[in-house]
Amino acid sequence: MPVPWDCADGLFEAYWRRPAAYLEDRVRRAMSVWTRVGPEAEQRAVRSLSDDLDSGRWAERNSDLADLDAADLGLRLLIA
């Protein structure tokens, strides 16, 4: 199931083209993945992402995402 770049659901994959959202605590609190990895791993990820965004490394490494309207991030919709 492709995830649109402007997905508003708040699931972990929702911000794939808007990574600065992951720096916001209120955004991360809506994602269960952070409770599973723990606060230390979460803070390391946030620091690393912040550094990458500030330096331009994220944009450089992910320039191919900028023009996509949706991405297949491995989500599957199961209907029973």
C-alpha atoms as a PDB file:
ATOM      1  CA  MET A   1       0.000   0.000   0.000  1.00  0.00           C
ATOM      2  CA  PRO A   2       1.744   3.208  -1.104  1.00  0.00           C
ATOM      3  CA  VAL A   3       2.032   5.983   1.474  1.00  0.00           C
ATOM      4  CA  PRO A   4       1.327   9.456   0.034  1.00  0.00           C
ATOM      5  CA  TRP A   5       3.935  12.120   0.779  1.00  0.00           C
ATOM      6  CA  ASP A   6       1.368  14.208   2.655  1.00  0.00           C
ATOM      7  CA  CYS A   7      -0.119  11.354   4.695  1.00  0.00           C
ATOM      8  CA  ALA A   8      -1.849  12.805   7.755  1.00  0.00           C
ATOM      9  CA  ASP A   9      -2.375   9.577   9.724  1.00  0.00           C
ATOM     10  CA  GLY A  10       0.705   9.989  11.884  1.00  0.00           C
ATOM     11  CA  LEU A  11       1.990   6.457  11.516  1.00  0.00           C
ATOM     12  CA  PHE A  12       5.772   6.048  11.522  1.00  0.00           C
ATOM     13  CA  GLU A  13       5.995   5.952   7.725  1.00  0.00           C
ATOM     14  CA  ALA A  14       3.804   9.054   7.259  1.00  0.00           C
ATOM     15  CA  TYR A  15       6.657  11.559   7.226  1.00  0.00           C
ATOM     16  CA  TRP A  16       9.007   9.882   4.774  1.00  0.00           C
ATOM     17  CA  ARG A  17       9.254  13.057   2.645  1.00  0.00           C
ATOM     18  CA  ARG A  18       8.943  15.461   5.614  1.00  0.00           C
ATOM     19  CA  PRO A  19      11.643  14.186   7.972  1.00  0.00           C
ATOM     20  CA  ALA A  20      11.771  17.315  10.152  1.00  0.00           C
ATOM     21  CA  ALA A  21       8.447  16.156  11.614  1.00  0.00           C
ATOM     22  CA  TYR A  22      10.301  13.323  13.381  1.00  0.00           C
ATOM     23  CA  LEU A  23      12.144  15.966  15.416  1.00  0.00           C
ATOM     24  CA  GLU A  24       8.881  17.051  17.052  1.00  0.00           C
ATOM     25  CA  ASP A  25       8.132  15.269  20.296  1.00  0.00           C
ATOM     26  CA  ARG A  26       4.346  15.432  19.761  1.00  0.00           C
ATOM     27  CA  VAL A  27       4.748  13.676  16.404  1.00  0.00           C
ATOM     28  CA  ARG A  28       6.929  10.913  17.849  1.00  0.00           C
ATOM     29  CA  ARG A  29       4.540  10.360  20.787  1.00  0.00           C
ATOM     30  CA  ALA A  30       1.864   9.296  18.286  1.00  0.00           C
ATOM     31  CA  MET A  31       4.104   6.470  17.006  1.00  0.00           C
ATOM     32  CA  SER A  32       4.327   3.216  18.926  1.00  0.00           C
ATOM     33  CA  VAL A  33       7.725   2.352  17.456  1.00  0.00           C
ATOM     34  CA  TRP A  34       9.476   4.727  19.868  1.00  0.00           C
ATOM     35  CA  THR A  35       8.170   2.887  22.927  1.00  0.00           C
ATOM     36  CA  ARG A  36       9.719  -0.287  21.565  1.00  0.00           C
ATOM     37  CA  VAL A  37      13.210   1.106  20.900  1.00  0.00           C
ATOM     38  CA  GLY A  38      13.435   3.069  24.137  1.00  0.00           C
ATOM     39  CA  PRO A  39      14.357   6.639  24.975  1.00  0.00           C
ATOM     40  CA  GLU A  40      18.116   6.331  24.440  1.00  0.00           C
ATOM     41  CA  ALA A  41      17.751   4.983  20.901  1.00  0.00           C
ATOM     42  CA  GLU A  42      15.056   7.559  20.193  1.00  0.00           C
ATOM     43  CA  GLN A  43      17.285  10.443  21.269  1.00  0.00           C
ATOM     44  CA  ARG A  44      20.230   9.088  19.221  1.00  0.00           C
ATOM     45  CA  ALA A  45      17.956   8.885  16.167  1.00  0.00           C
ATOM     46  CA  VAL A  46      16.633  12.408  16.722  1.00  0.00           C
ATOM     47  CA  ARG A  47      20.153  13.853  17.136  1.00  0.00           C
ATOM     48  CA  SER A  48      21.397  12.047  14.043  1.00  0.00           C
ATOM     49  CA  LEU A  49      18.438  13.158  11.941  1.00  0.00           C
ATOM     50  CA  SER A  50      18.764  16.726  13.171  1.00  0.00           C
ATOM     51  CA  ASP A  51      22.457  16.762  12.259  1.00  0.00           C
ATOM     52  CA  ASP A  52      21.704  15.313   8.813  1.00  0.00           C
ATOM     53  CA  LEU A  53      18.962  17.865   8.157  1.00  0.00           C
ATOM     54  CA  ASP A  54      21.101  20.788   9.366  1.00  0.00           C
ATOM     55  CA  SER A  55      24.098  19.756   7.264  1.00  0.00           C
ATOM     56  CA  GLY A  56      22.089  18.946   4.132  1.00  0.00           C
ATOM     57  CA  ARG A  57      23.188  15.282   4.202  1.00  0.00           C
ATOM     58  CA  TRP A  58      19.588  14.046   4.415  1.00  0.00           C
ATOM     59  CA  ALA A  59      18.540  16.029   1.328  1.00  0.00           C
ATOM     60  CA  GLU A  60      21.626  14.897  -0.558  1.00  0.00           C
ATOM     61  CA  ARG A  61      21.141  11.214   0.286  1.00  0.00           C
ATOM     62  CA  ASN A  62      17.399  11.268  -0.348  1.00  0.00           C
ATOM     63  CA  SER A  63      17.086  13.603  -3.324  1.00  0.00           C
ATOM     64  CA  ASP A  64      15.302  10.885  -5.274  1.00  0.00           C
ATOM     65  CA  LEU A  65      12.352  11.151  -2.848  1.00  0.00           C
ATOM     66  CA  ALA A  66      11.689  14.850  -3.449  1.00  0.00           C
ATOM     67  CA  ASP A  67       9.532  14.347  -6.544  1.00  0.00           C
ATOM     68  CA  LEU A  68       7.621  11.236  -5.472  1.00  0.00           C
ATOM     69  CA  ASP A  69       3.927  11.549  -4.696  1.00  0.00           C
ATOM     70  CA  ALA A  70       3.842   8.215  -2.844  1.00  0.00           C
ATOM     71  CA  ALA A  71       6.274   5.532  -1.713  1.00  0.00           C
ATOM     72  CA  ASP A  72       5.992   1.797  -1.168  1.00  0.00           C
ATOM     73  CA  LEU A  73       7.419   1.463   2.329  1.00  0.00           C
ATOM     74  CA  GLY A  74       6.391  -2.112   2.913  1.00  0.00           C
ATOM     75  CA  LEU A  75       2.967  -1.478   4.416  1.00  0.00           C
ATOM     76  CA  ARG A  76       0.304  -4.002   3.548  1.00  0.00           C
ATOM     77  CA  LEU A  77      -3.455  -3.705   4.010  1.00  0.00           C
ATOM     78  CA  LEU A  78      -5.045  -6.976   5.064  1.00  0.00           C
ATOM     79  CA  ILE A  79      -8.758  -7.452   4.673  1.00  0.00           C
ATOM     80  CA  ALA A  80     -10.316 -10.464   6.320  1.00  0.00           C
END
